[in-house]
Amino acid sequence: MNIGLLLIMIIGGAAGLLSTLFLVISLPAVIIWKFYRRITKKIPLTM
């Protein structure tokens, strides 16, 4: 296999993996943070 193609595949796979991990971690964190603010400070969820 061509070393350049292999390098592009590894970089592309890593970029996809990192963006997926970011979404998987950040979405529940935002939801938990909104419920925390709702409970402690009575701020609406939609704000």
PDB file of N, CA and C in Angstrom:
ATOM      1  N   MET A   1       0.827  -1.191   0.000  1.00  0.00           N
ATOM      2  CA  MET A   1       0.000   0.000   0.000  1.00  0.00           C
ATOM      3  C   MET A   1       0.871   1.254   0.000  1.00  0.00           C
ATOM      4  N   ASN A   2       0.345   2.291  -0.553  1.00  0.00           N
ATOM      5  CA  ASN A   2       1.053   3.566  -0.614  1.00  0.00           C
ATOM      6  C   ASN A   2       1.087   4.190   0.790  1.00  0.00           C
ATOM      7  N   ILE A   3       2.264   4.651   1.215  1.00  0.00           N
ATOM      8  CA  ILE A   3       2.424   5.224   2.560  1.00  0.00           C
ATOM      9  C   ILE A   3       1.622   6.523   2.696  1.00  0.00           C
ATOM     10  N   GLY A   4       1.511   7.316   1.637  1.00  0.00           N
ATOM     11  CA  GLY A   4       0.747   8.559   1.699  1.00  0.00           C
ATOM     12  C   GLY A   4      -0.738   8.295   1.900  1.00  0.00           C
ATOM     13  N   LEU A   5      -1.265   7.292   1.201  1.00  0.00           N
ATOM     14  CA  LEU A   5      -2.676   6.941   1.344  1.00  0.00           C
ATOM     15  C   LEU A   5      -2.955   6.412   2.745  1.00  0.00           C
ATOM     16  N   LEU A   6      -2.050   5.609   3.245  1.00  0.00           N
ATOM     17  CA  LEU A   6      -2.205   5.076   4.603  1.00  0.00           C
ATOM     18  C   LEU A   6      -2.186   6.197   5.639  1.00  0.00           C
ATOM     19  N   LEU A   7      -1.314   7.171   5.437  1.00  0.00           N
ATOM     20  CA  LEU A   7      -1.233   8.312   6.364  1.00  0.00           C
ATOM     21  C   LEU A   7      -2.523   9.136   6.328  1.00  0.00           C
ATOM     22  N   ILE A   8      -3.064   9.353   5.138  1.00  0.00           N
ATOM     23  CA  ILE A   8      -4.323  10.101   5.016  1.00  0.00           C
ATOM     24  C   ILE A   8      -5.464   9.337   5.681  1.00  0.00           C
ATOM     25  N   MET A   9      -5.467   8.013   5.540  1.00  0.00           N
ATOM     26  CA  MET A   9      -6.513   7.206   6.176  1.00  0.00           C
ATOM     27  C   MET A   9      -6.426   7.291   7.696  1.00  0.00           C
ATOM     28  N   ILE A  10      -5.240   7.264   8.228  1.00  0.00           N
ATOM     29  CA  ILE A  10      -5.063   7.331   9.689  1.00  0.00           C
ATOM     30  C   ILE A  10      -5.484   8.699  10.218  1.00  0.00           C
ATOM     31  N   ILE A  11      -5.081   9.760   9.527  1.00  0.00           N
ATOM     32  CA  ILE A  11      -5.438  11.113   9.962  1.00  0.00           C
ATOM     33  C   ILE A  11      -6.952  11.325   9.877  1.00  0.00           C
ATOM     34  N   GLY A  12      -7.547  10.878   8.786  1.00  0.00           N
ATOM     35  CA  GLY A  12      -9.000  11.014   8.629  1.00  0.00           C
ATOM     36  C   GLY A  12      -9.771  10.218   9.662  1.00  0.00           C
ATOM     37  N   GLY A  13      -9.310   9.006   9.949  1.00  0.00           N
ATOM     38  CA  GLY A  13      -9.957   8.187  10.977  1.00  0.00           C
ATOM     39  C   GLY A  13      -9.846   8.813  12.352  1.00  0.00           C
ATOM     40  N   ALA A  14      -8.677   9.377  12.652  1.00  0.00           N
ATOM     41  CA  ALA A  14      -8.485  10.024  13.954  1.00  0.00           C
ATOM     42  C   ALA A  14      -9.371  11.256  14.084  1.00  0.00           C
ATOM     43  N   ALA A  15      -9.514  12.031  13.002  1.00  0.00           N
ATOM     44  CA  ALA A  15     -10.364  13.222  13.042  1.00  0.00           C
ATOM     45  C   ALA A  15     -11.822  12.825  13.272  1.00  0.00           C
ATOM     46  N   GLY A  16     -12.271  11.787  12.593  1.00  0.00           N
ATOM     47  CA  GLY A  16     -13.640  11.310  12.788  1.00  0.00           C
ATOM     48  C   GLY A  16     -13.865  10.787  14.194  1.00  0.00           C
ATOM     49  N   LEU A  17     -12.904  10.064  14.716  1.00  0.00           N
ATOM     50  CA  LEU A  17     -13.022   9.520  16.070  1.00  0.00           C
ATOM     51  C   LEU A  17     -13.079  10.635  17.109  1.00  0.00           C
ATOM     52  N   LEU A  18     -12.213  11.621  16.958  1.00  0.00           N
ATOM     53  CA  LEU A  18     -12.192  12.720  17.936  1.00  0.00           C
ATOM     54  C   LEU A  18     -13.473  13.545  17.892  1.00  0.00           C
ATOM     55  N   SER A  19     -13.996  13.811  16.702  1.00  0.00           N
ATOM     56  CA  SER A  19     -15.233  14.591  16.626  1.00  0.00           C
ATOM     57  C   SER A  19     -16.407  13.800  17.194  1.00  0.00           C
ATOM     58  N   THR A  20     -16.427  12.488  16.975  1.00  0.00           N
ATOM     59  CA  THR A  20     -17.486  11.656  17.546  1.00  0.00           C
ATOM     60  C   THR A  20     -17.400  11.631  19.069  1.00  0.00           C
ATOM     61  N   LEU A  21     -16.210  11.474  19.590  1.00  0.00           N
ATOM     62  CA  LEU A  21     -16.034  11.473  21.050  1.00  0.00           C
ATOM     63  C   LEU A  21     -16.456  12.814  21.649  1.00  0.00           C
ATOM     64  N   PHE A  22     -16.132  13.908  20.978  1.00  0.00           N
ATOM     65  CA  PHE A  22     -16.525  15.226  21.473  1.00  0.00           C
ATOM     66  C   PHE A  22     -18.045  15.341  21.569  1.00  0.00           C
ATOM     67  N   LEU A  23     -18.744  14.894  20.529  1.00  0.00           N
ATOM     68  CA  LEU A  23     -20.205  14.965  20.545  1.00  0.00           C
ATOM     69  C   LEU A  23     -20.806  14.062  21.611  1.00  0.00           C
ATOM     70  N   VAL A  24     -20.259  12.866  21.759  1.00  0.00           N
ATOM     71  CA  VAL A  24     -20.790  11.909  22.735  1.00  0.00           C
ATOM     72  C   VAL A  24     -20.605  12.429  24.158  1.00  0.00           C
ATOM     73  N   ILE A  25     -19.529  13.142  24.411  1.00  0.00           N
ATOM     74  CA  ILE A  25     -19.263  13.648  25.766  1.00  0.00           C
ATOM     75  C   ILE A  25     -19.978  14.983  26.014  1.00  0.00           C
ATOM     76  N   SER A  26     -19.987  15.870  25.022  1.00  0.00           N
ATOM     77  CA  SER A  26     -20.508  17.213  25.266  1.00  0.00           C
ATOM     78  C   SER A  26     -22.031  17.273  25.344  1.00  0.00           C
ATOM     79  N   LEU A  27     -22.734  16.466  24.562  1.00  0.00           N
ATOM     80  CA  LEU A  27     -24.200  16.538  24.586  1.00  0.00           C
ATOM     81  C   LEU A  27     -24.772  16.170  25.958  1.00  0.00           C
ATOM     82  N   PRO A  28     -24.402  15.039  26.562  1.00  0.00           N
ATOM     83  CA  PRO A  28     -24.908  14.764  27.917  1.00  0.00           C
ATOM     84  C   PRO A  28     -24.442  15.798  28.947  1.00  0.00           C
ATOM     85  N   ALA A  29     -23.229  16.341  28.762  1.00  0.00           N
ATOM     86  CA  ALA A  29     -22.729  17.342  29.709  1.00  0.00           C
ATOM     87  C   ALA A  29     -23.593  18.600  29.670  1.00  0.00           C
ATOM     88  N   VAL A  30     -23.987  19.040  28.489  1.00  0.00           N
ATOM     89  CA  VAL A  30     -24.833  20.227  28.367  1.00  0.00           C
ATOM     90  C   VAL A  30     -26.214  19.961  28.970  1.00  0.00           C
ATOM     91  N   ILE A  31     -26.762  18.790  28.718  1.00  0.00           N
ATOM     92  CA  ILE A  31     -28.084  18.462  29.264  1.00  0.00           C
ATOM     93  C   ILE A  31     -28.036  18.415  30.792  1.00  0.00           C
ATOM     94  N   ILE A  32     -27.015  17.790  31.341  1.00  0.00           N
ATOM     95  CA  ILE A  32     -26.861  17.728  32.808  1.00  0.00           C
ATOM     96  C   ILE A  32     -26.678  19.131  33.378  1.00  0.00           C
ATOM     97  N   TRP A  33     -25.878  19.965  32.706  1.00  0.00           N
ATOM     98  CA  TRP A  33     -25.648  21.330  33.172  1.00  0.00           C
ATOM     99  C   TRP A  33     -26.950  22.134  33.175  1.00  0.00           C
ATOM    100  N   LYS A  34     -27.781  21.972  32.143  1.00  0.00           N
ATOM    101  CA  LYS A  34     -29.048  22.689  32.085  1.00  0.00           C
ATOM    102  C   LYS A  34     -29.989  22.251  33.214  1.00  0.00           C
ATOM    103  N   PHE A  35     -30.056  20.958  33.487  1.00  0.00           N
ATOM    104  CA  PHE A  35     -30.895  20.498  34.592  1.00  0.00           C
ATOM    105  C   PHE A  35     -30.348  20.971  35.937  1.00  0.00           C
ATOM    106  N   TYR A  36     -29.034  21.018  36.094  1.00  0.00           N
ATOM    107  CA  TYR A  36     -28.423  21.517  37.320  1.00  0.00           C
ATOM    108  C   TYR A  36     -28.802  22.984  37.549  1.00  0.00           C
ATOM    109  N   ARG A  37     -28.689  23.803  36.484  1.00  0.00           N
ATOM    110  CA  ARG A  37     -29.073  25.216  36.610  1.00  0.00           C
ATOM    111  C   ARG A  37     -30.559  25.359  36.876  1.00  0.00           C
ATOM    112  N   ARG A  38     -31.368  24.490  36.284  1.00  0.00           N
ATOM    113  CA  ARG A  38     -32.818  24.539  36.492  1.00  0.00           C
ATOM    114  C   ARG A  38     -33.157  24.269  37.952  1.00  0.00           C
ATOM    115  N   ILE A  39     -32.498  23.303  38.544  1.00  0.00           N
ATOM    116  CA  ILE A  39     -32.771  22.927  39.932  1.00  0.00           C
ATOM    117  C   ILE A  39     -32.239  23.961  40.909  1.00  0.00           C
ATOM    118  N   THR A  40     -31.002  24.429  40.702  1.00  0.00           N
ATOM    119  CA  THR A  40     -30.384  25.310  41.686  1.00  0.00           C
ATOM    120  C   THR A  40     -30.792  26.770  41.554  1.00  0.00           C
ATOM    121  N   LYS A  41     -30.935  27.266  40.311  1.00  0.00           N
ATOM    122  CA  LYS A  41     -31.164  28.697  40.122  1.00  0.00           C
ATOM    123  C   LYS A  41     -32.496  29.020  39.483  1.00  0.00           C
ATOM    124  N   LYS A  42     -33.316  28.008  39.224  1.00  0.00           N
ATOM    125  CA  LYS A  42     -34.641  28.178  38.625  1.00  0.00           C
ATOM    126  C   LYS A  42     -34.575  28.867  37.255  1.00  0.00           C
ATOM    127  N   ILE A  43     -33.521  28.607  36.508  1.00  0.00           N
ATOM    128  CA  ILE A  43     -33.381  29.141  35.150  1.00  0.00           C
ATOM    129  C   ILE A  43     -34.096  28.177  34.205  1.00  0.00           C
ATOM    130  N   PRO A  44     -34.901  28.687  33.264  1.00  0.00           N
ATOM    131  CA  PRO A  44     -35.602  27.795  32.346  1.00  0.00           C
ATOM    132  C   PRO A  44     -34.648  26.961  31.497  1.00  0.00           C
ATOM    133  N   LEU A  45     -35.060  25.777  31.094  1.00  0.00           N
ATOM    134  CA  LEU A  45     -34.221  24.899  30.288  1.00  0.00           C
ATOM    135  C   LEU A  45     -33.936  25.474  28.918  1.00  0.00           C
ATOM    136  N   THR A  46     -34.826  26.302  28.413  1.00  0.00           N
ATOM    137  CA  THR A  46     -34.673  26.806  27.046  1.00  0.00           C
ATOM    138  C   THR A  46     -33.795  28.045  26.959  1.00  0.00           C
ATOM    139  N   MET A  47     -33.238  28.487  28.063  1.00  0.00           N
ATOM    140  CA  MET A  47     -32.405  29.672  28.040  1.00  0.00           C
ATOM    141  C   MET A  47     -30.952  29.331  27.960  1.00  0.00           C
TER     142      MET A  47
END
